[in-house]
Amino acid sequence: MTIVDRLNELLEAERAGVETLSRLIPEASTPEMQRLFPQVRDDEAWSCAGLARSIKTLGGVMSEKKGDFAEKVMGEPTLAARLKLLNRGQMWVVKRLDALLGETPPASVADFLKEMKARHLTNISACDKLAESLG
């Protein structure tokens, strides 16, 4: 699998993340959720744009696919369970980002991937905290 293939895999996952959060937003029943869900969705969309730029920087062709993660998350019976599954998906992304960063991509791509990782870790922490408060 090439670096472009792995970036496309992440792009497909991030598109699914945007859809997942867009579907969670109507369930936001507290001010905390009403801030968090759009913020995480916007970070997922930011990641999509950065991944697309990175793929182009490397001379690759951007995938048009989207993962099926939203259906899996929304199939969970409670909001807490949905958040926990969302975080498992976000950790999957972080692990792949670590692997990509270990390959020493061009500086502009590496800088973006580092920021993407930082945003994912921040969102994982916030979603964990919220899931715990829900029980």
N, C-alpha and C. Protein backbone atom coordinates (compact mmCIF):
# COMPACT_ATOMS: atom_id res chain seq x y z
N MET A 1 0.84 -1.18 0.00
CA MET A 1 0.00 0.00 0.00
C MET A 1 0.89 1.25 0.00
N THR A 2 0.66 2.15 -0.93
CA THR A 2 1.45 3.38 -1.01
C THR A 2 0.95 4.41 0.00
N ILE A 3 1.73 5.46 0.19
CA ILE A 3 1.31 6.53 1.09
C ILE A 3 0.01 7.18 0.58
N VAL A 4 -0.13 7.32 -0.73
CA VAL A 4 -1.36 7.88 -1.29
C VAL A 4 -2.53 6.95 -0.99
N ASP A 5 -2.33 5.65 -1.10
CA ASP A 5 -3.40 4.70 -0.76
C ASP A 5 -3.83 4.87 0.70
N ARG A 6 -2.85 5.03 1.58
CA ARG A 6 -3.18 5.18 3.01
C ARG A 6 -3.86 6.52 3.28
N LEU A 7 -3.44 7.56 2.58
CA LEU A 7 -4.11 8.85 2.73
C LEU A 7 -5.55 8.77 2.23
N ASN A 8 -5.76 8.05 1.13
CA ASN A 8 -7.12 7.87 0.62
C ASN A 8 -7.97 7.06 1.60
N GLU A 9 -7.38 6.07 2.23
CA GLU A 9 -8.10 5.29 3.24
C GLU A 9 -8.56 6.20 4.38
N LEU A 10 -7.67 7.08 4.81
CA LEU A 10 -8.03 8.05 5.84
C LEU A 10 -9.09 9.03 5.35
N LEU A 11 -8.97 9.48 4.11
CA LEU A 11 -9.96 10.40 3.54
C LEU A 11 -11.35 9.77 3.56
N GLU A 12 -11.45 8.52 3.17
CA GLU A 12 -12.73 7.82 3.18
C GLU A 12 -13.29 7.73 4.60
N ALA A 13 -12.40 7.47 5.56
CA ALA A 13 -12.83 7.39 6.96
C ALA A 13 -13.27 8.75 7.48
N GLU A 14 -12.54 9.80 7.12
CA GLU A 14 -12.90 11.14 7.59
C GLU A 14 -14.23 11.60 6.98
N ARG A 15 -14.48 11.25 5.75
CA ARG A 15 -15.79 11.57 5.16
C ARG A 15 -16.90 10.90 5.97
N ALA A 16 -16.66 9.65 6.36
CA ALA A 16 -17.65 8.95 7.18
C ALA A 16 -17.78 9.63 8.54
N GLY A 17 -16.68 10.18 9.04
CA GLY A 17 -16.73 10.92 10.30
C GLY A 17 -17.60 12.16 10.20
N VAL A 18 -17.48 12.88 9.09
CA VAL A 18 -18.33 14.06 8.88
C VAL A 18 -19.80 13.64 8.89
N GLU A 19 -20.11 12.57 8.17
CA GLU A 19 -21.50 12.10 8.13
C GLU A 19 -21.97 11.67 9.52
N THR A 20 -21.13 10.96 10.24
CA THR A 20 -21.49 10.49 11.59
C THR A 20 -21.84 11.65 12.49
N LEU A 21 -20.95 12.65 12.53
CA LEU A 21 -21.20 13.79 13.40
C LEU A 21 -22.40 14.60 12.94
N SER A 22 -22.60 14.70 11.65
CA SER A 22 -23.78 15.40 11.14
C SER A 22 -25.06 14.71 11.61
N ARG A 23 -25.01 13.40 11.72
CA ARG A 23 -26.17 12.65 12.18
C ARG A 23 -26.31 12.69 13.70
N LEU A 24 -25.22 12.93 14.41
CA LEU A 24 -25.29 13.05 15.88
C LEU A 24 -25.77 14.42 16.34
N ILE A 25 -25.53 15.44 15.54
CA ILE A 25 -25.87 16.81 15.95
C ILE A 25 -27.33 16.94 16.38
N PRO A 26 -28.31 16.36 15.67
CA PRO A 26 -29.69 16.50 16.14
C PRO A 26 -29.95 15.86 17.52
N GLU A 27 -29.06 14.98 17.96
CA GLU A 27 -29.20 14.35 19.27
C GLU A 27 -28.56 15.18 20.38
N ALA A 28 -27.96 16.29 20.04
CA ALA A 28 -27.27 17.13 21.04
C ALA A 28 -28.31 17.78 21.95
N SER A 29 -28.40 17.26 23.16
CA SER A 29 -29.44 17.72 24.08
C SER A 29 -28.93 18.68 25.15
N THR A 30 -27.64 18.95 25.18
CA THR A 30 -27.08 19.88 26.16
C THR A 30 -26.21 20.90 25.43
N PRO A 31 -25.95 22.04 26.06
CA PRO A 31 -25.05 23.02 25.43
C PRO A 31 -23.67 22.43 25.12
N GLU A 32 -23.17 21.57 26.00
CA GLU A 32 -21.86 20.94 25.76
C GLU A 32 -21.89 20.14 24.46
N MET A 33 -22.92 19.33 24.27
CA MET A 33 -23.05 18.53 23.04
C MET A 33 -23.26 19.43 21.84
N GLN A 34 -24.01 20.50 22.02
CA GLN A 34 -24.29 21.42 20.91
C GLN A 34 -23.04 22.14 20.45
N ARG A 35 -22.03 22.26 21.32
CA ARG A 35 -20.73 22.82 20.93
C ARG A 35 -19.81 21.73 20.38
N LEU A 36 -19.78 20.59 21.08
CA LEU A 36 -18.81 19.54 20.75
C LEU A 36 -19.07 18.88 19.40
N PHE A 37 -20.30 18.47 19.15
CA PHE A 37 -20.57 17.71 17.92
C PHE A 37 -20.24 18.51 16.65
N PRO A 38 -20.68 19.78 16.55
CA PRO A 38 -20.28 20.54 15.35
C PRO A 38 -18.76 20.77 15.27
N GLN A 39 -18.11 20.96 16.43
CA GLN A 39 -16.66 21.15 16.42
C GLN A 39 -15.95 19.91 15.89
N VAL A 40 -16.35 18.74 16.35
CA VAL A 40 -15.73 17.51 15.88
C VAL A 40 -16.02 17.31 14.39
N ARG A 41 -17.27 17.57 13.99
CA ARG A 41 -17.62 17.46 12.56
C ARG A 41 -16.76 18.39 11.71
N ASP A 42 -16.58 19.62 12.19
CA ASP A 42 -15.77 20.58 11.44
C ASP A 42 -14.31 20.14 11.37
N ASP A 43 -13.80 19.53 12.45
CA ASP A 43 -12.43 19.00 12.41
C ASP A 43 -12.32 17.85 11.41
N GLU A 44 -13.35 17.02 11.32
CA GLU A 44 -13.35 15.93 10.35
C GLU A 44 -13.35 16.50 8.92
N ALA A 45 -14.13 17.55 8.69
CA ALA A 45 -14.17 18.19 7.38
C ALA A 45 -12.82 18.85 7.06
N TRP A 46 -12.22 19.49 8.06
CA TRP A 46 -10.89 20.09 7.89
C TRP A 46 -9.89 19.00 7.50
N SER A 47 -10.00 17.84 8.14
CA SER A 47 -9.12 16.72 7.83
C SER A 47 -9.32 16.25 6.39
N CYS A 48 -10.57 16.20 5.95
CA CYS A 48 -10.85 15.81 4.56
C CYS A 48 -10.13 16.74 3.58
N ALA A 49 -10.24 18.04 3.83
CA ALA A 49 -9.62 19.02 2.94
C ALA A 49 -8.09 18.87 2.95
N GLY A 50 -7.52 18.69 4.12
CA GLY A 50 -6.08 18.53 4.22
C GLY A 50 -5.58 17.24 3.60
N LEU A 51 -6.34 16.17 3.75
CA LEU A 51 -5.96 14.90 3.12
C LEU A 51 -6.01 15.03 1.60
N ALA A 52 -7.05 15.71 1.10
CA ALA A 52 -7.15 15.92 -0.35
C ALA A 52 -5.94 16.71 -0.85
N ARG A 53 -5.56 17.77 -0.13
CA ARG A 53 -4.37 18.55 -0.52
C ARG A 53 -3.11 17.69 -0.48
N SER A 54 -2.99 16.87 0.55
CA SER A 54 -1.81 16.02 0.70
C SER A 54 -1.70 15.02 -0.44
N ILE A 55 -2.82 14.44 -0.81
CA ILE A 55 -2.85 13.49 -1.92
C ILE A 55 -2.39 14.17 -3.20
N LYS A 56 -2.91 15.38 -3.44
CA LYS A 56 -2.51 16.13 -4.64
C LYS A 56 -1.04 16.52 -4.58
N THR A 57 -0.55 16.90 -3.41
CA THR A 57 0.86 17.25 -3.24
C THR A 57 1.75 16.08 -3.64
N LEU A 58 1.30 14.87 -3.33
CA LEU A 58 2.09 13.68 -3.64
C LEU A 58 1.83 13.15 -5.04
N GLY A 59 1.04 13.89 -5.83
CA GLY A 59 0.77 13.50 -7.21
C GLY A 59 -0.26 12.39 -7.35
N GLY A 60 -1.03 12.15 -6.29
CA GLY A 60 -2.02 11.08 -6.31
C GLY A 60 -3.38 11.53 -6.78
N VAL A 61 -4.26 10.56 -6.91
CA VAL A 61 -5.65 10.80 -7.29
C VAL A 61 -6.52 10.54 -6.06
N MET A 62 -7.38 11.49 -5.76
CA MET A 62 -8.22 11.42 -4.58
C MET A 62 -9.37 10.42 -4.78
N SER A 63 -9.56 9.58 -3.77
CA SER A 63 -10.69 8.64 -3.77
C SER A 63 -12.00 9.41 -3.67
N GLU A 64 -13.02 8.88 -4.26
CA GLU A 64 -14.36 9.49 -4.15
C GLU A 64 -15.23 8.72 -3.16
N LYS A 65 -14.69 7.65 -2.56
CA LYS A 65 -15.47 6.79 -1.68
C LYS A 65 -15.64 7.39 -0.29
N LYS A 66 -16.58 6.80 0.45
CA LYS A 66 -16.81 7.17 1.84
C LYS A 66 -17.03 5.88 2.62
N GLY A 67 -16.44 5.79 3.79
CA GLY A 67 -16.62 4.62 4.64
C GLY A 67 -18.05 4.51 5.14
N ASP A 68 -18.39 3.33 5.68
CA ASP A 68 -19.75 3.08 6.17
C ASP A 68 -19.86 3.22 7.68
N PHE A 69 -18.95 3.96 8.27
CA PHE A 69 -18.87 4.08 9.72
C PHE A 69 -20.13 4.69 10.34
N ALA A 70 -20.76 5.63 9.67
CA ALA A 70 -21.93 6.31 10.24
C ALA A 70 -23.03 5.31 10.56
N GLU A 71 -23.25 4.35 9.68
CA GLU A 71 -24.29 3.36 9.91
C GLU A 71 -23.98 2.52 11.14
N LYS A 72 -22.70 2.18 11.31
CA LYS A 72 -22.29 1.39 12.48
C LYS A 72 -22.52 2.17 13.76
N VAL A 73 -22.08 3.43 13.77
CA VAL A 73 -22.22 4.26 14.97
C VAL A 73 -23.69 4.48 15.30
N MET A 74 -24.47 4.84 14.30
CA MET A 74 -25.87 5.15 14.56
C MET A 74 -26.67 3.90 14.92
N GLY A 75 -26.11 2.73 14.65
CA GLY A 75 -26.77 1.48 15.03
C GLY A 75 -26.63 1.16 16.51
N GLU A 76 -25.76 1.88 17.20
CA GLU A 76 -25.59 1.66 18.64
C GLU A 76 -26.82 2.18 19.39
N PRO A 77 -27.21 1.51 20.47
CA PRO A 77 -28.49 1.83 21.12
C PRO A 77 -28.52 3.12 21.94
N THR A 78 -27.36 3.59 22.42
CA THR A 78 -27.35 4.79 23.27
C THR A 78 -26.33 5.78 22.75
N LEU A 79 -26.49 7.02 23.15
CA LEU A 79 -25.54 8.05 22.76
C LEU A 79 -24.15 7.74 23.33
N ALA A 80 -24.09 7.26 24.57
CA ALA A 80 -22.79 6.91 25.16
C ALA A 80 -22.10 5.83 24.33
N ALA A 81 -22.84 4.82 23.91
CA ALA A 81 -22.26 3.75 23.08
C ALA A 81 -21.83 4.29 21.72
N ARG A 82 -22.58 5.23 21.18
CA ARG A 82 -22.21 5.83 19.90
C ARG A 82 -20.90 6.60 20.02
N LEU A 83 -20.76 7.34 21.12
CA LEU A 83 -19.53 8.11 21.34
C LEU A 83 -18.33 7.19 21.54
N LYS A 84 -18.53 6.09 22.23
CA LYS A 84 -17.43 5.15 22.44
C LYS A 84 -16.99 4.53 21.11
N LEU A 85 -17.93 4.17 20.26
CA LEU A 85 -17.58 3.62 18.95
C LEU A 85 -16.93 4.70 18.08
N LEU A 86 -17.44 5.91 18.15
CA LEU A 86 -16.82 7.03 17.43
C LEU A 86 -15.36 7.16 17.84
N ASN A 87 -15.10 7.08 19.13
CA ASN A 87 -13.72 7.22 19.61
C ASN A 87 -12.84 6.06 19.18
N ARG A 88 -13.38 4.87 19.08
CA ARG A 88 -12.59 3.75 18.56
C ARG A 88 -12.17 4.05 17.13
N GLY A 89 -13.09 4.62 16.36
CA GLY A 89 -12.77 5.02 14.99
C GLY A 89 -11.71 6.11 14.95
N GLN A 90 -11.82 7.07 15.87
CA GLN A 90 -10.84 8.15 15.91
C GLN A 90 -9.46 7.62 16.31
N MET A 91 -9.41 6.64 17.20
CA MET A 91 -8.12 6.04 17.58
C MET A 91 -7.53 5.25 16.42
N TRP A 92 -8.39 4.61 15.63
CA TRP A 92 -7.94 3.91 14.43
C TRP A 92 -7.21 4.90 13.52
N VAL A 93 -7.78 6.10 13.37
CA VAL A 93 -7.17 7.14 12.54
C VAL A 93 -5.82 7.57 13.14
N VAL A 94 -5.77 7.78 14.44
CA VAL A 94 -4.53 8.20 15.10
C VAL A 94 -3.42 7.18 14.86
N LYS A 95 -3.74 5.91 14.97
CA LYS A 95 -2.73 4.86 14.74
C LYS A 95 -2.20 4.92 13.31
N ARG A 96 -3.08 5.15 12.36
CA ARG A 96 -2.64 5.24 10.97
C ARG A 96 -1.83 6.50 10.72
N LEU A 97 -2.19 7.58 11.41
CA LEU A 97 -1.40 8.80 11.29
C LEU A 97 0.02 8.58 11.82
N ASP A 98 0.14 7.88 12.95
CA ASP A 98 1.46 7.57 13.49
C ASP A 98 2.29 6.79 12.48
N ALA A 99 1.66 5.81 11.84
CA ALA A 99 2.38 4.99 10.85
C ALA A 99 2.84 5.86 9.67
N LEU A 100 1.96 6.74 9.20
CA LEU A 100 2.32 7.62 8.09
C LEU A 100 3.46 8.57 8.47
N LEU A 101 3.39 9.09 9.67
CA LEU A 101 4.44 10.02 10.12
C LEU A 101 5.78 9.31 10.26
N GLY A 102 5.74 8.01 10.52
CA GLY A 102 6.96 7.23 10.61
C GLY A 102 7.64 7.02 9.26
N GLU A 103 6.93 7.29 8.20
CA GLU A 103 7.49 7.14 6.85
C GLU A 103 8.14 8.41 6.32
N THR A 104 8.17 9.44 7.11
CA THR A 104 8.76 10.73 6.75
C THR A 104 8.22 11.30 5.45
N PRO A 105 6.93 11.65 5.44
CA PRO A 105 6.37 12.30 4.24
C PRO A 105 6.96 13.71 4.08
N PRO A 106 6.73 14.36 2.94
CA PRO A 106 7.20 15.74 2.76
C PRO A 106 6.73 16.62 3.92
N ALA A 107 7.50 17.64 4.22
CA ALA A 107 7.25 18.49 5.40
C ALA A 107 5.83 19.03 5.45
N SER A 108 5.30 19.52 4.33
CA SER A 108 3.95 20.09 4.35
C SER A 108 2.91 19.03 4.70
N VAL A 109 3.10 17.82 4.21
CA VAL A 109 2.18 16.73 4.52
C VAL A 109 2.36 16.31 5.97
N ALA A 110 3.59 16.19 6.43
CA ALA A 110 3.85 15.80 7.82
C ALA A 110 3.27 16.81 8.80
N ASP A 111 3.43 18.10 8.51
CA ASP A 111 2.88 19.13 9.39
C ASP A 111 1.36 19.00 9.49
N PHE A 112 0.70 18.79 8.36
CA PHE A 112 -0.74 18.61 8.37
C PHE A 112 -1.12 17.37 9.17
N LEU A 113 -0.43 16.24 8.95
CA LEU A 113 -0.77 15.00 9.65
C LEU A 113 -0.59 15.14 11.16
N LYS A 114 0.44 15.88 11.57
CA LYS A 114 0.65 16.12 13.02
C LYS A 114 -0.50 16.92 13.60
N GLU A 115 -0.94 17.94 12.91
CA GLU A 115 -2.07 18.75 13.39
C GLU A 115 -3.35 17.92 13.40
N MET A 116 -3.54 17.10 12.38
CA MET A 116 -4.72 16.22 12.32
C MET A 116 -4.73 15.28 13.52
N LYS A 117 -3.57 14.73 13.83
CA LYS A 117 -3.47 13.83 15.00
C LYS A 117 -3.82 14.58 16.28
N ALA A 118 -3.27 15.78 16.45
CA ALA A 118 -3.54 16.57 17.65
C ALA A 118 -5.03 16.86 17.80
N ARG A 119 -5.68 17.21 16.71
CA ARG A 119 -7.12 17.49 16.77
C ARG A 119 -7.91 16.22 17.13
N HIS A 120 -7.50 15.10 16.56
CA HIS A 120 -8.19 13.85 16.88
C HIS A 120 -8.03 13.50 18.36
N LEU A 121 -6.83 13.66 18.89
CA LEU A 121 -6.61 13.35 20.29
C LEU A 121 -7.43 14.27 21.20
N THR A 122 -7.51 15.54 20.85
CA THR A 122 -8.34 16.47 21.63
C THR A 122 -9.80 16.05 21.58
N ASN A 123 -10.28 15.68 20.40
CA ASN A 123 -11.68 15.28 20.26
C ASN A 123 -11.97 13.96 20.97
N ILE A 124 -11.02 13.05 20.94
CA ILE A 124 -11.19 11.78 21.66
C ILE A 124 -11.36 12.05 23.15
N SER A 125 -10.53 12.92 23.69
CA SER A 125 -10.61 13.25 25.10
C SER A 125 -11.97 13.86 25.45
N ALA A 126 -12.42 14.80 24.64
CA ALA A 126 -13.71 15.46 24.90
C ALA A 126 -14.87 14.47 24.79
N CYS A 127 -14.82 13.60 23.79
CA CYS A 127 -15.90 12.61 23.61
C CYS A 127 -15.88 11.57 24.72
N ASP A 128 -14.68 11.18 25.18
CA ASP A 128 -14.57 10.25 26.32
C ASP A 128 -15.23 10.85 27.54
N LYS A 129 -14.91 12.10 27.81
CA LYS A 129 -15.46 12.78 28.98
C LYS A 129 -16.99 12.84 28.89
N LEU A 130 -17.49 13.16 27.73
CA LEU A 130 -18.94 13.23 27.55
C LEU A 130 -19.58 11.84 27.71
N ALA A 131 -18.99 10.82 27.10
CA ALA A 131 -19.53 9.46 27.19
C ALA A 131 -19.58 8.99 28.64
N GLU A 132 -18.52 9.30 29.40
CA GLU A 132 -18.49 8.91 30.81
C GLU A 132 -19.60 9.60 31.60
N SER A 133 -19.88 10.86 31.28
CA SER A 133 -20.93 11.58 31.99
C SER A 133 -22.32 11.04 31.68
N LEU A 134 -22.44 10.37 30.53
CA LEU A 134 -23.73 9.81 30.12
C LEU A 134 -23.97 8.43 30.73
N GLY A 135 -22.89 7.82 31.23
CA GLY A 135 -23.03 6.50 31.88
C GLY A 135 -22.72 5.33 31.05
